[in-house]
Each structure stands twice: as structure tokens, then as C-alpha cells.
Amino acid sequence: MEEPINWKLGPVAIGHRPKCRVTDKSRTTLTNRVLKLSMTNLSVLSTHSP
């Protein structure tokens, strides 16, 4: 009876992995947006600075 339980747990664990990947993608997009905003702010500060 132990083997079928393991087989049932296997697909569940695999099913949870794509969700983690989606969250990682959303995190990377958020970090990229923050980096772009920070870069634009730095460029504005550099242009305004004498």
C-alpha cells in the first residue's frame, strides 16, 4: 500500500512546481520593473545635477 501513496504524492509535488515557476516569473518581472524605475531615477538625477 505504500507504493500507490508515493505515486499519488509524486504528481502532486510535480503539480506544485509550475506554480512556483509562475511566482518566480512574476518576481523577476517585478524586480526588472523596479530596476528600470531605479535606472530612470538615476538618469534623471544625473541629468538634473550640474
N, C-alpha and C. Protein backbone atom coordinates (compact mmCIF):
# COMPACT_ATOMS: atom_id res chain seq x y z
N MET A 1 0.83 -1.21 0.00
CA MET A 1 0.00 0.00 0.00
C MET A 1 0.86 1.26 0.00
N GLU A 2 2.13 1.13 0.36
CA GLU A 2 2.98 2.32 0.43
C GLU A 2 3.30 2.88 -0.96
N GLU A 3 3.50 1.97 -1.93
CA GLU A 3 3.89 2.43 -3.27
C GLU A 3 2.81 3.30 -3.93
N PRO A 4 1.51 2.89 -3.93
CA PRO A 4 0.49 3.73 -4.56
C PRO A 4 0.40 5.12 -3.92
N ILE A 5 0.60 5.20 -2.61
CA ILE A 5 0.56 6.50 -1.93
C ILE A 5 1.69 7.38 -2.47
N ASN A 6 2.87 6.79 -2.64
CA ASN A 6 4.01 7.54 -3.17
C ASN A 6 3.72 8.01 -4.59
N TRP A 7 3.11 7.14 -5.39
CA TRP A 7 2.78 7.54 -6.77
C TRP A 7 1.78 8.68 -6.77
N LYS A 8 0.85 8.66 -5.78
CA LYS A 8 -0.13 9.75 -5.70
C LYS A 8 0.55 11.05 -5.29
N LEU A 9 1.50 10.96 -4.37
CA LEU A 9 2.19 12.16 -3.90
C LEU A 9 3.10 12.73 -4.99
N GLY A 10 3.63 11.86 -5.86
CA GLY A 10 4.54 12.31 -6.92
C GLY A 10 3.92 13.36 -7.82
N PRO A 11 2.79 13.07 -8.47
CA PRO A 11 2.15 14.04 -9.36
C PRO A 11 1.77 15.32 -8.64
N VAL A 12 1.38 15.22 -7.37
CA VAL A 12 1.00 16.42 -6.62
C VAL A 12 2.22 17.34 -6.48
N ALA A 13 3.37 16.76 -6.13
CA ALA A 13 4.58 17.56 -5.98
C ALA A 13 4.96 18.19 -7.31
N ILE A 14 4.83 17.42 -8.40
CA ILE A 14 5.16 17.96 -9.73
C ILE A 14 4.17 19.08 -10.09
N GLY A 15 2.90 18.91 -9.69
CA GLY A 15 1.90 19.93 -9.99
C GLY A 15 2.17 21.24 -9.28
N HIS A 16 2.78 21.18 -8.10
CA HIS A 16 3.06 22.41 -7.35
C HIS A 16 4.26 23.15 -7.92
N ARG A 17 5.12 22.46 -8.66
CA ARG A 17 6.32 23.12 -9.18
C ARG A 17 6.01 24.21 -10.21
N PRO A 18 5.11 23.98 -11.18
CA PRO A 18 4.80 25.05 -12.14
C PRO A 18 4.30 26.31 -11.45
N LYS A 19 3.54 26.18 -10.36
CA LYS A 19 3.07 27.36 -9.64
C LYS A 19 4.26 28.15 -9.11
N CYS A 20 5.26 27.46 -8.57
CA CYS A 20 6.45 28.14 -8.07
C CYS A 20 7.16 28.86 -9.21
N ARG A 21 7.20 28.20 -10.39
CA ARG A 21 7.85 28.83 -11.54
C ARG A 21 7.12 30.10 -11.94
N VAL A 22 5.79 30.06 -11.89
CA VAL A 22 5.00 31.25 -12.25
C VAL A 22 5.30 32.38 -11.27
N THR A 23 5.38 32.05 -9.97
CA THR A 23 5.67 33.07 -8.97
C THR A 23 7.08 33.63 -9.21
N ASP A 24 8.03 32.76 -9.58
CA ASP A 24 9.38 33.23 -9.87
C ASP A 24 9.36 34.19 -11.05
N LYS A 25 8.55 33.87 -12.09
CA LYS A 25 8.47 34.76 -13.25
C LYS A 25 7.90 36.11 -12.85
N SER A 26 6.84 36.10 -12.03
CA SER A 26 6.24 37.36 -11.58
C SER A 26 7.25 38.14 -10.74
N ARG A 27 8.02 37.45 -9.92
CA ARG A 27 9.04 38.13 -9.10
C ARG A 27 10.10 38.76 -10.00
N THR A 28 10.54 38.03 -11.02
CA THR A 28 11.57 38.57 -11.91
C THR A 28 11.04 39.79 -12.65
N THR A 29 9.78 39.76 -13.08
CA THR A 29 9.20 40.90 -13.78
C THR A 29 9.12 42.09 -12.83
N LEU A 30 8.73 41.85 -11.59
CA LEU A 30 8.65 42.95 -10.61
C LEU A 30 10.04 43.52 -10.36
N THR A 31 11.04 42.65 -10.21
CA THR A 31 12.40 43.14 -9.97
C THR A 31 12.90 43.92 -11.17
N ASN A 32 12.59 43.45 -12.38
CA ASN A 32 13.01 44.16 -13.59
C ASN A 32 12.36 45.54 -13.63
N ARG A 33 11.09 45.63 -13.28
CA ARG A 33 10.39 46.93 -13.26
C ARG A 33 11.04 47.85 -12.26
N VAL A 34 11.36 47.34 -11.08
CA VAL A 34 11.99 48.16 -10.04
C VAL A 34 13.36 48.63 -10.52
N LEU A 35 14.11 47.73 -11.15
CA LEU A 35 15.43 48.11 -11.66
C LEU A 35 15.30 49.19 -12.73
N LYS A 36 14.31 49.05 -13.62
CA LYS A 36 14.12 50.05 -14.67
C LYS A 36 13.76 51.39 -14.04
N LEU A 37 12.88 51.38 -13.04
CA LEU A 37 12.49 52.63 -12.37
C LEU A 37 13.69 53.25 -11.69
N SER A 38 14.49 52.43 -11.01
CA SER A 38 15.67 52.96 -10.32
C SER A 38 16.66 53.53 -11.34
N MET A 39 16.84 52.86 -12.47
CA MET A 39 17.76 53.36 -13.50
C MET A 39 17.25 54.68 -14.07
N THR A 40 15.95 54.79 -14.32
CA THR A 40 15.39 56.04 -14.84
C THR A 40 15.57 57.15 -13.81
N ASN A 41 15.37 56.84 -12.54
CA ASN A 41 15.55 57.85 -11.50
C ASN A 41 17.00 58.30 -11.45
N LEU A 42 17.93 57.37 -11.57
CA LEU A 42 19.35 57.73 -11.55
C LEU A 42 19.69 58.60 -12.76
N SER A 43 19.14 58.27 -13.93
CA SER A 43 19.43 59.06 -15.12
C SER A 43 18.86 60.47 -14.97
N VAL A 44 17.65 60.58 -14.40
CA VAL A 44 17.04 61.91 -14.19
C VAL A 44 17.89 62.71 -13.22
N LEU A 45 18.34 62.07 -12.14
CA LEU A 45 19.16 62.77 -11.16
C LEU A 45 20.48 63.22 -11.79
N SER A 46 21.07 62.36 -12.61
CA SER A 46 22.35 62.70 -13.22
C SER A 46 22.16 63.86 -14.21
N THR A 47 21.04 63.88 -14.95
CA THR A 47 20.82 64.95 -15.93
C THR A 47 20.53 66.26 -15.21
N HIS A 48 19.80 66.22 -14.08
CA HIS A 48 19.46 67.44 -13.35
C HIS A 48 20.65 67.95 -12.54
N SER A 49 21.55 67.06 -12.16
CA SER A 49 22.70 67.50 -11.36
C SER A 49 23.64 68.35 -12.23
N PRO A 50 24.18 69.43 -11.71
CA PRO A 50 25.05 70.31 -12.51
C PRO A 50 26.41 69.69 -12.82
